[in-house]
Amino acid sequence: MHVAACIEEGKKNMATQGMTRPAPFGAETVYRIVSAAEALWNAAIEWNSARITRRELSRLSLHELEDIGLTPADIDRVARVTARRN
């Protein structure tokens, strides 16, 4: 009977230990590095999308821009807004 009580007490201790253990050393640092890399990657994708949109709109003539309701001054703004949506 005493052995069974000790085993049961050990199971209770093991169950609570897993819940209160701190994160492994460096886990937060790794998370921050991965988050920063992801943000950098997303910024590069956004920049490239804006660059492509800007290039394509810049190739249009003034008449073609007017047909779609834009002026040459609108190109940068449209490129930035469009890139953020993607």
Protein backbone atom coordinates (compact mmCIF):
# COMPACT_ATOMS: atom_id res chain seq x y z
CA MET A 1 0.00 0.00 0.00
CA HIS A 2 2.83 2.39 0.84
CA VAL A 3 4.48 1.78 -2.55
CA ALA A 4 1.25 2.55 -4.40
CA ALA A 5 0.91 5.84 -2.53
CA CYS A 6 4.48 6.82 -3.44
CA ILE A 7 3.88 6.01 -7.12
CA GLU A 8 0.68 8.05 -7.13
CA GLU A 9 2.46 11.01 -5.49
CA GLY A 10 5.21 10.77 -8.11
CA LYS A 11 2.65 10.92 -10.92
CA LYS A 12 1.11 14.07 -9.43
CA ASN A 13 4.52 15.74 -9.19
CA MET A 14 5.39 14.84 -12.78
CA ALA A 15 2.11 16.25 -14.04
CA THR A 16 2.67 19.64 -12.39
CA GLN A 17 6.37 19.91 -13.26
CA GLY A 18 5.70 20.16 -16.98
CA MET A 19 3.34 23.07 -16.51
CA THR A 20 5.66 25.24 -14.42
CA ARG A 21 8.97 24.64 -16.21
CA PRO A 22 10.43 27.75 -17.87
CA ALA A 23 11.21 27.86 -21.58
CA PRO A 24 14.58 26.42 -22.56
CA PHE A 25 17.52 28.79 -22.52
CA GLY A 26 17.63 30.77 -25.73
CA ALA A 27 14.09 29.93 -26.89
CA GLU A 28 12.98 33.56 -26.68
CA THR A 29 16.09 34.71 -28.53
CA VAL A 30 15.46 32.21 -31.31
CA TYR A 31 11.83 33.35 -31.51
CA ARG A 32 12.90 36.99 -31.81
CA ILE A 33 15.45 36.18 -34.51
CA VAL A 34 12.89 34.19 -36.51
CA SER A 35 10.32 36.99 -36.12
CA ALA A 36 12.85 39.59 -37.28
CA ALA A 37 13.81 37.44 -40.28
CA GLU A 38 10.15 37.00 -41.17
CA ALA A 39 9.54 40.76 -40.94
CA LEU A 40 12.57 41.40 -43.14
CA TRP A 41 11.39 38.82 -45.67
CA ASN A 42 7.89 40.36 -45.77
CA ALA A 43 9.36 43.86 -46.20
CA ALA A 44 11.46 42.63 -49.13
CA ILE A 45 8.41 41.07 -50.77
CA GLU A 46 6.42 44.29 -50.27
CA TRP A 47 9.26 46.40 -51.68
CA ASN A 48 9.59 44.18 -54.75
CA SER A 49 5.86 44.23 -55.39
CA ALA A 50 5.84 48.04 -55.19
CA ARG A 51 8.87 48.18 -57.50
CA ILE A 52 7.17 46.02 -60.14
CA THR A 53 3.91 48.00 -59.93
CA ARG A 54 5.82 51.29 -60.16
CA ARG A 55 7.77 50.03 -63.20
CA GLU A 56 4.64 48.87 -65.03
CA LEU A 57 2.69 52.07 -64.33
CA SER A 58 5.68 54.18 -65.40
CA ARG A 59 5.63 52.47 -68.79
CA LEU A 60 2.11 53.73 -69.48
CA SER A 61 1.61 56.89 -71.49
CA LEU A 62 -0.07 59.95 -70.01
CA HIS A 63 -3.23 59.12 -71.98
CA GLU A 64 -3.25 55.52 -70.66
CA LEU A 65 -2.79 56.74 -67.09
CA GLU A 66 -5.69 59.18 -67.53
CA ASP A 67 -7.85 56.31 -68.82
CA ILE A 68 -7.44 54.49 -65.51
CA GLY A 69 -7.87 57.68 -63.47
CA LEU A 70 -4.23 58.28 -62.54
CA THR A 71 -1.59 60.91 -63.07
CA PRO A 72 2.18 60.37 -63.01
CA ALA A 73 2.19 61.83 -59.49
CA ASP A 74 -0.08 58.98 -58.30
CA ILE A 75 2.27 56.18 -59.33
CA ASP A 76 4.31 55.99 -56.10
CA ARG A 77 1.24 56.10 -53.86
CA VAL A 78 -0.58 53.44 -55.86
CA ALA A 79 2.51 51.21 -55.88
CA ARG A 80 2.88 51.43 -52.07
CA VAL A 81 -0.81 50.82 -51.36
CA THR A 82 -1.02 47.93 -53.81
CA ALA A 83 2.10 46.29 -52.36
CA ARG A 84 0.66 46.37 -48.82
CA ARG A 85 -2.50 44.60 -49.94
CA ASN A 86 -0.55 41.66 -51.33
